[in-house]
Every structure is written in structure tokens, then in C-alpha cells.
Amino acid sequence: MSDIRDVIVIGSGPAGLTAAIYTARANLAPLLIEGEPSSTSDQPGGQLMLTTEVENFPGFRDGIMGPDLMANMRAQAERFGTEILTDKVTRVDFSERPFRVWVREDEYLANAVIVSTGAQSLMLGLEAEQRLIGHGLSTCATCDGFFFRGHEIAVVGGGDSAIEEATFLTKFADKVTIIHRRDELRASKIMQDRAFANPKIDFLWNSRVTEIHGDTSVTGVEITNTVDGDVSTLPVTGLFVAIGHRPNTDLFAGQLEMDPNSGYLVTRPDSSYTDVEGVFACGDVQDDVYRQAITAAGSGCMAAIDAERWLEANLDH
């Protein structure tokens, strides 16, 4: 592709779609490369595609389902002229301008790039995960909860996402056991109160999942007590992992500055500027503090405005 675009947006969660809306309305004709359908990372719409009801996004008094919110944002971006490519970026070169972005063999050029590739679910690191993902093992209650109607299942984690998953799963499962490695939850008070009040939710405190049983589907999990080392088996037909996320930054290794410990992209304080002039980052790929849909959208707005002003100052149109 020989045409040089003003801006390419990589990733399509709340940050990327907001950046697309703002740059499109600024007549920058953005190309949004939204990712490819996936159950783990880089899925179009980002992590909100894997959530249930979103209650804290302003403007929706009665809440809105995550996928519906993202569909609305996507349609809004298209309305203002965003070109959307449903595919995954495979390589980038930010060493000189115009910047080069590849989708397999197809090359796209741009004077500015906005990175909004988000984050993905962390897994437990057990051998059986690769074999059983999609066969009783899941990271997405919204996607897979329906299949566990009448079952007894477990959720690993103790934060808001784990409690949200567990609460949602009680719509289908007969019993949901929350397995947490500590003796208290990290989730917000309102989420904790809901879980404690739900008669279908049980808790296993000071516990880790050390093995997942089942050849072709989950039949149970091995639980190791973190205090006394006692090992037991919990018979479940489903296991949902909700223990956190890692930023999708592998694509930018050696191209953009990252936090050496967490892998999150580093941006200048109070801006979306990366260490490469003309490349901006927004959303969960650079936010390891707030990680909310509304803050991601806000940072997408920042990136779009930063990019627009940078282009105006550095390029002759």
C-alpha cells in the first residue's frame, strides 16, 4: 500500500475507537486495524467484548452490555468516516517516517500511529490449560456461561473481574466456587457485598489451583492450601480464570519504550506521547493503574488530540 495516511489506529477497544472517532471528526481519515476475532487477545472491541453488563459507563442509567457498548462505538467511528480493517497487525517499523505497519504481507504507511492494543487475560500457567481451553476452561463468562446451565463450576481470582464473572455465572450454574489465594477479596466493596449475599456463591480461601483434571473436558481441579499445603480436589465441570491481565505489547518490542517489569508502554506524563515522535499510546496498553473503560476512552481522546496537533505542527498539508 503506497498511500501515506495521516493516522493509523492499532486496536479497537474503548481507547482505539474513541481515538478513531476523534481523528475522523478532525478529517484525518484514520485507518483502524481492529484485530481479529479471538478468545484471548486482540479481539475486535477489546476486553469489553468479554464482559457482562457495564454499569459504570456514564450515560447508561440501567447499564449496557459490553459488546453492545463496543458495537455502538464502532458504528459511531464508521459514521464519521473511519476505515476499519478486521485483521491483526503482524509487524511495525517506527524507526523512520512514514511509519510502516504490516498486516501479514500488506504494508500500510502513516505519518502518525496511535497504539491501543489493550491487554489480555493472564492464565494459571498449567499444562492442561492449552488442552482444555474452550472445553470447560474459559476466561469469558459472557461467551461461555450459557454452556454451564445446571453445572457446578469455579472462578479463580479475587478482584472485581473475578467477582463479576462469578456473579454473572450464577444465572446459569447451580453453584459457583470462588477460589482465592488470600483470605480476603481485592474487589470493590459493592462487588464483594453482592457476592457474599448470593446463595449460589461459595468461597475457597487461601487456595490455589495447582492442576486441572480432565482429558477432553474439565472434570475437576486440584486445590492446594497456601497456608498448610493441604491438597484436595474440587469436582467442577467448568473453570473460569480471572486473575488479571498483561498488556499486548509484544508487537512493539524494540520499537517503543516499555516498563521493564510490567511490559506496559511508557508515555510522557499527562499525555499520550511515547518515546517515538509521532507514535501515541492510549488505553490499557499504557495504563496499569485505572484500567477502566471510561479512562481508556478518555485516553483515546487524548491520543487523537495529541496526534492531530502533532501532525499540524510537523507536516505540511
Protein backbone atom coordinates (compact mmCIF):
# COMPACT_ATOMS: atom_id res chain seq x y z
CA MET A 1 0.00 0.00 0.00
CA SER A 2 1.83 3.10 -1.21
CA ASP A 3 -0.61 5.77 0.02
CA ILE A 4 0.61 7.58 3.11
CA ARG A 5 -2.20 8.08 5.58
CA ASP A 6 -2.38 10.72 8.25
CA VAL A 7 -3.01 8.24 11.05
CA ILE A 8 -3.37 4.53 11.70
CA VAL A 9 -5.03 3.30 14.90
CA ILE A 10 -3.98 -0.18 16.05
CA GLY A 11 -6.59 -1.80 18.29
CA SER A 12 -10.30 -1.26 18.79
CA GLY A 13 -11.27 -1.21 22.45
CA PRO A 14 -12.73 1.94 24.01
CA ALA A 15 -9.40 3.73 23.57
CA GLY A 16 -8.88 2.86 19.91
CA LEU A 17 -12.47 3.52 18.88
CA THR A 18 -12.55 6.86 20.71
CA ALA A 19 -9.27 7.82 19.01
CA ALA A 20 -10.84 6.83 15.68
CA ILE A 21 -13.96 8.91 16.34
CA TYR A 22 -11.91 12.00 17.22
CA THR A 23 -9.39 11.69 14.39
CA ALA A 24 -12.18 11.02 11.89
CA ARG A 25 -14.06 14.12 13.02
CA ALA A 26 -10.79 16.04 12.57
CA ASN A 27 -10.79 14.95 8.90
CA LEU A 28 -7.70 12.79 9.34
CA ALA A 29 -9.39 9.78 7.64
CA PRO A 30 -8.00 7.19 10.09
CA LEU A 31 -7.43 3.55 9.26
CA LEU A 32 -8.43 1.45 12.28
CA ILE A 33 -6.91 -2.05 12.30
CA GLU A 34 -9.21 -3.61 14.84
CA GLY A 35 -7.69 -7.07 15.34
CA GLU A 36 -9.02 -10.50 14.51
CA PRO A 37 -11.74 -12.47 16.32
CA SER A 38 -10.13 -14.33 19.22
CA SER A 39 -11.00 -15.66 22.65
CA THR A 40 -7.85 -14.25 24.24
CA SER A 41 -6.15 -11.17 22.86
CA ASP A 42 -6.52 -8.68 20.03
CA GLN A 43 -10.23 -9.37 19.53
CA PRO A 44 -12.16 -6.53 17.89
CA GLY A 45 -13.75 -4.45 20.62
CA GLY A 46 -11.13 -5.34 23.21
CA GLN A 47 -11.79 -6.70 26.68
CA LEU A 48 -15.31 -5.27 26.89
CA MET A 49 -16.31 -7.94 24.38
CA LEU A 50 -15.62 -10.43 27.18
CA THR A 51 -17.60 -8.64 29.88
CA THR A 52 -21.18 -8.74 31.04
CA GLU A 53 -23.19 -5.68 31.98
CA VAL A 54 -21.26 -2.42 32.26
CA GLU A 55 -22.87 -0.33 34.99
CA ASN A 56 -20.34 2.47 35.44
CA PHE A 57 -20.05 3.94 31.93
CA PRO A 58 -21.72 7.37 32.09
CA GLY A 59 -24.89 7.84 30.08
CA PHE A 60 -26.36 4.38 30.55
CA ARG A 61 -28.56 4.63 33.63
CA ASP A 62 -29.60 0.98 33.53
CA GLY A 63 -26.24 -0.32 32.32
CA ILE A 64 -25.27 -1.71 28.94
CA MET A 65 -23.74 -5.00 27.85
CA GLY A 66 -20.05 -4.66 26.97
CA PRO A 67 -20.41 -5.96 23.40
CA ASP A 68 -23.34 -3.59 22.79
CA LEU A 69 -21.30 -0.62 24.00
CA MET A 70 -18.45 -1.53 21.67
CA ALA A 71 -20.82 -2.05 18.73
CA ASN A 72 -22.18 1.45 19.33
CA MET A 73 -18.68 2.94 19.45
CA ARG A 74 -17.66 1.10 16.27
CA ALA A 75 -20.73 2.34 14.39
CA GLN A 76 -20.02 5.88 15.59
CA ALA A 77 -16.44 5.68 14.32
CA GLU A 78 -17.67 4.41 10.93
CA ARG A 79 -20.27 7.15 10.75
CA PHE A 80 -17.52 9.78 10.72
CA GLY A 81 -15.52 8.03 8.02
CA THR A 82 -13.16 5.68 9.84
CA GLU A 83 -11.90 2.90 7.57
CA ILE A 84 -11.93 -0.35 9.55
CA LEU A 85 -9.80 -3.39 8.76
CA THR A 86 -10.73 -6.57 10.65
CA ASP A 87 -7.31 -8.14 10.86
CA LYS A 88 -4.25 -8.28 13.06
CA VAL A 89 -1.09 -6.20 12.74
CA THR A 90 1.85 -8.58 12.42
CA ARG A 91 4.81 -6.18 12.32
CA VAL A 92 5.66 -2.49 12.66
CA ASP A 93 8.63 -0.27 11.88
CA PHE A 94 8.72 3.01 13.78
CA SER A 95 12.38 3.77 13.03
CA GLU A 96 11.54 6.44 10.45
CA ARG A 97 8.60 8.29 8.96
CA PRO A 98 6.34 7.46 7.34
CA PHE A 99 5.78 4.68 9.85
CA ARG A 100 5.27 1.20 8.41
CA VAL A 101 2.59 -1.19 9.61
CA TRP A 102 2.14 -4.68 8.18
CA VAL A 103 -0.87 -6.96 8.17
CA ARG A 104 0.91 -10.12 7.06
CA GLU A 105 2.23 -9.17 3.56
CA ASP A 106 0.21 -5.98 3.17
CA GLU A 107 2.06 -2.80 4.13
CA TYR A 108 0.39 0.41 5.29
CA LEU A 109 2.15 3.78 5.71
CA ALA A 110 1.19 6.59 8.08
CA ASN A 111 2.61 9.84 9.38
CA ALA A 112 1.24 9.11 12.86
CA VAL A 113 0.25 5.92 14.68
CA ILE A 114 -1.98 5.52 17.72
CA VAL A 115 -1.36 2.29 19.64
CA SER A 116 -4.36 0.97 21.56
CA THR A 117 -3.79 -2.78 21.62
CA GLY A 118 -5.05 -3.21 25.18
CA ALA A 119 -4.35 -6.14 27.44
CA GLN A 120 -5.23 -9.83 27.69
CA SER A 121 -6.17 -12.32 30.36
CA LEU A 122 -3.47 -13.93 32.45
CA MET A 123 -3.61 -17.71 32.75
CA LEU A 124 -2.54 -20.03 35.55
CA GLY A 125 0.43 -21.49 33.69
CA LEU A 126 -0.74 -25.09 33.97
CA GLU A 127 -0.07 -27.73 31.32
CA ALA A 128 -3.75 -28.63 30.98
CA GLU A 129 -4.78 -25.08 30.01
CA GLN A 130 -3.75 -25.43 26.38
CA ARG A 131 -5.66 -28.70 26.10
CA LEU A 132 -8.82 -27.65 27.92
CA ILE A 133 -9.31 -24.03 26.87
CA GLY A 134 -12.75 -23.99 25.29
CA HIS A 135 -13.54 -27.38 26.81
CA GLY A 136 -14.66 -26.33 30.25
CA LEU A 137 -11.84 -23.83 30.77
CA SER A 138 -12.61 -20.22 29.91
CA THR A 139 -11.66 -16.60 30.53
CA CYS A 140 -15.03 -15.24 29.40
CA ALA A 141 -18.25 -15.80 31.33
CA THR A 142 -20.24 -13.82 28.76
CA CYS A 143 -19.01 -16.05 25.97
CA ASP A 144 -19.35 -19.40 27.69
CA GLY A 145 -21.63 -19.11 30.71
CA PHE A 146 -24.66 -20.44 28.85
CA PHE A 147 -22.96 -23.81 28.38
CA PHE A 148 -22.83 -24.39 32.14
CA ARG A 149 -26.54 -24.27 32.91
CA GLY A 150 -27.15 -26.55 35.89
CA HIS A 151 -23.43 -27.22 36.45
CA GLU A 152 -21.13 -26.68 39.42
CA ILE A 153 -18.19 -24.51 38.38
CA ALA A 154 -15.34 -22.44 39.83
CA VAL A 155 -13.82 -19.00 39.29
CA VAL A 156 -10.17 -18.22 40.11
CA GLY A 157 -9.43 -14.72 41.34
CA GLY A 158 -10.35 -12.13 43.93
CA GLY A 159 -10.68 -8.82 42.09
CA ASP A 160 -13.63 -7.04 40.50
CA SER A 161 -13.44 -9.06 37.29
CA ALA A 162 -13.49 -12.38 39.16
CA ILE A 163 -16.47 -11.34 41.27
CA GLU A 164 -18.31 -10.01 38.22
CA GLU A 165 -17.70 -13.29 36.39
CA ALA A 166 -18.87 -15.35 39.35
CA THR A 167 -22.00 -13.27 39.86
CA PHE A 168 -22.91 -13.49 36.18
CA LEU A 169 -22.32 -17.24 36.12
CA THR A 170 -24.90 -17.78 38.87
CA LYS A 171 -27.52 -17.03 36.21
CA PHE A 172 -26.66 -20.42 34.71
CA ALA A 173 -24.73 -22.60 37.15
CA ASP A 174 -26.19 -24.25 40.23
CA LYS A 175 -23.09 -23.42 42.26
CA VAL A 176 -20.05 -21.19 41.73
CA THR A 177 -16.97 -21.52 43.94
CA ILE A 178 -14.58 -18.58 44.04
CA ILE A 179 -11.01 -19.79 44.59
CA HIS A 180 -8.73 -17.10 46.01
CA ARG A 181 -5.14 -17.36 47.17
CA ARG A 182 -5.65 -14.92 50.05
CA ASP A 183 -8.11 -14.73 52.95
CA GLU A 184 -9.90 -11.62 51.70
CA LEU A 185 -11.02 -10.27 48.34
CA ARG A 186 -9.44 -7.37 46.47
CA ALA A 187 -12.71 -6.47 44.77
CA SER A 188 -14.60 -3.26 45.45
CA LYS A 189 -16.96 -3.25 48.44
CA ILE A 190 -20.14 -3.22 46.35
CA MET A 191 -18.97 -6.22 44.33
CA GLN A 192 -17.99 -8.10 47.49
CA ASP A 193 -21.37 -7.44 49.10
CA ARG A 194 -23.16 -8.83 46.04
CA ALA A 195 -21.06 -11.99 46.07
CA PHE A 196 -21.41 -12.62 49.80
CA ALA A 197 -25.18 -12.18 49.52
CA ASN A 198 -25.52 -14.58 46.59
CA PRO A 199 -26.62 -18.03 47.85
CA LYS A 200 -25.09 -19.75 44.81
CA ILE A 201 -21.55 -18.48 45.52
CA ASP A 202 -19.13 -20.28 47.84
CA PHE A 203 -15.54 -19.35 48.66
CA LEU A 204 -12.30 -21.29 49.00
CA TRP A 205 -9.85 -19.01 50.81
CA ASN A 206 -6.05 -19.31 50.88
CA SER A 207 -6.22 -21.67 47.92
CA ARG A 208 -4.50 -22.12 44.56
CA VAL A 209 -5.45 -24.26 41.59
CA THR A 210 -2.42 -26.46 41.01
CA GLU A 211 -3.88 -28.87 38.47
CA ILE A 212 -6.89 -29.10 36.17
CA HIS A 213 -8.36 -32.58 35.76
CA GLY A 214 -9.91 -33.93 32.58
CA ASP A 215 -8.72 -35.40 29.29
CA THR A 216 -11.18 -33.86 26.85
CA SER A 217 -13.12 -31.58 29.22
CA VAL A 218 -12.78 -30.24 32.75
CA THR A 219 -13.85 -32.72 35.44
CA GLY A 220 -12.33 -31.07 38.50
CA VAL A 221 -9.44 -29.05 39.89
CA GLU A 222 -6.69 -29.81 42.38
CA ILE A 223 -6.60 -27.24 45.19
CA THR A 224 -3.51 -26.57 47.30
CA ASN A 225 -3.94 -24.62 50.52
CA THR A 226 -1.45 -21.71 50.62
CA VAL A 227 -1.17 -21.87 54.44
CA ASP A 228 -0.74 -25.55 55.32
CA GLY A 229 -0.09 -27.10 51.88
CA ASP A 230 -3.07 -29.43 52.14
CA VAL A 231 -4.19 -30.79 48.75
CA SER A 232 -7.80 -31.52 47.86
CA THR A 233 -9.95 -31.98 44.77
CA LEU A 234 -12.93 -29.85 43.84
CA PRO A 235 -15.25 -31.59 41.35
CA VAL A 236 -16.36 -28.98 38.78
CA THR A 237 -17.20 -29.11 35.09
CA GLY A 238 -16.11 -25.55 34.39
CA LEU A 239 -13.23 -23.30 35.43
CA PHE A 240 -13.13 -19.57 34.70
CA VAL A 241 -9.79 -17.80 35.15
CA ALA A 242 -9.97 -14.13 36.18
CA ILE A 243 -6.59 -13.30 37.71
CA GLY A 244 -5.55 -10.23 35.79
CA HIS A 245 -4.13 -9.07 32.51
CA ARG A 246 -0.92 -8.36 30.62
CA PRO A 247 -0.52 -5.61 28.03
CA ASN A 248 -0.45 -6.60 24.36
CA THR A 249 2.94 -5.05 23.66
CA ASP A 250 4.95 -7.91 22.13
CA LEU A 251 4.47 -6.31 18.71
CA PHE A 252 6.37 -3.21 19.85
CA ALA A 253 9.41 -4.85 21.43
CA GLY A 254 12.48 -2.89 20.40
CA GLN A 255 10.28 -0.19 18.86
CA LEU A 256 8.75 1.62 21.84
CA GLU A 257 9.85 2.13 25.44
CA MET A 258 8.16 -0.24 27.91
CA ASP A 259 8.16 -0.61 31.65
CA PRO A 260 10.84 -3.29 32.23
CA ASN A 261 8.76 -5.05 34.89
CA SER A 262 5.20 -4.91 33.60
CA GLY A 263 5.66 -4.52 29.84
CA TYR A 264 3.24 -1.57 29.67
CA LEU A 265 4.12 1.15 27.16
CA VAL A 266 5.64 4.25 28.72
CA THR A 267 4.03 7.59 27.87
CA ARG A 268 5.04 11.10 28.88
CA PRO A 269 3.23 12.38 31.98
CA ASP A 270 -0.21 13.83 31.23
CA SER A 271 -0.01 12.91 27.54
CA SER A 272 -0.14 10.00 25.11
CA TYR A 273 3.32 10.65 23.61
CA THR A 274 5.60 7.62 23.50
CA ASP A 275 9.37 7.89 23.16
CA VAL A 276 8.95 7.95 19.35
CA GLU A 277 7.75 11.26 17.94
CA GLY A 278 4.50 10.69 16.06
CA VAL A 279 3.57 7.47 17.85
CA PHE A 280 0.99 7.73 20.60
CA ALA A 281 -0.38 5.17 23.07
CA CYS A 282 -3.69 5.03 24.90
CA GLY A 283 -5.88 2.70 26.91
CA ASP A 284 -4.85 -0.40 28.84
CA VAL A 285 -1.67 -0.88 26.81
CA GLN A 286 -0.17 2.02 28.80
CA ASP A 287 -2.42 2.18 31.89
CA ASP A 288 -1.56 -0.17 34.74
CA VAL A 289 -3.40 1.91 37.36
CA TYR A 290 -7.01 2.62 36.39
CA ARG A 291 -7.79 0.11 33.63
CA GLN A 292 -11.40 1.23 33.21
CA ALA A 293 -13.45 1.61 30.05
CA ILE A 294 -14.09 5.27 30.74
CA THR A 295 -10.42 6.10 31.38
CA ALA A 296 -9.45 4.14 28.26
CA ALA A 297 -11.92 6.18 26.22
CA GLY A 298 -10.59 9.37 27.76
CA SER A 299 -7.01 8.45 26.91
CA GLY A 300 -8.12 7.64 23.36
CA CYS A 301 -9.43 11.19 23.10
CA MET A 302 -6.08 12.47 24.41
CA ALA A 303 -4.15 10.43 21.83
CA ALA A 304 -6.32 11.70 18.98
CA ILE A 305 -5.87 15.33 20.01
CA ASP A 306 -2.14 14.83 20.59
CA ALA A 307 -1.81 13.22 17.15
CA GLU A 308 -3.86 15.92 15.43
CA ARG A 309 -1.78 18.73 16.98
CA TRP A 310 1.47 16.91 16.30
CA LEU A 311 0.55 16.41 12.63
CA GLU A 312 -0.44 20.06 12.33
CA ALA A 313 2.89 21.19 13.77
CA ASN A 314 5.13 18.76 11.90
CA LEU A 315 3.60 18.19 8.48
CA ASP A 316 2.67 20.45 5.62
CA HIS A 317 -0.84 19.59 4.48
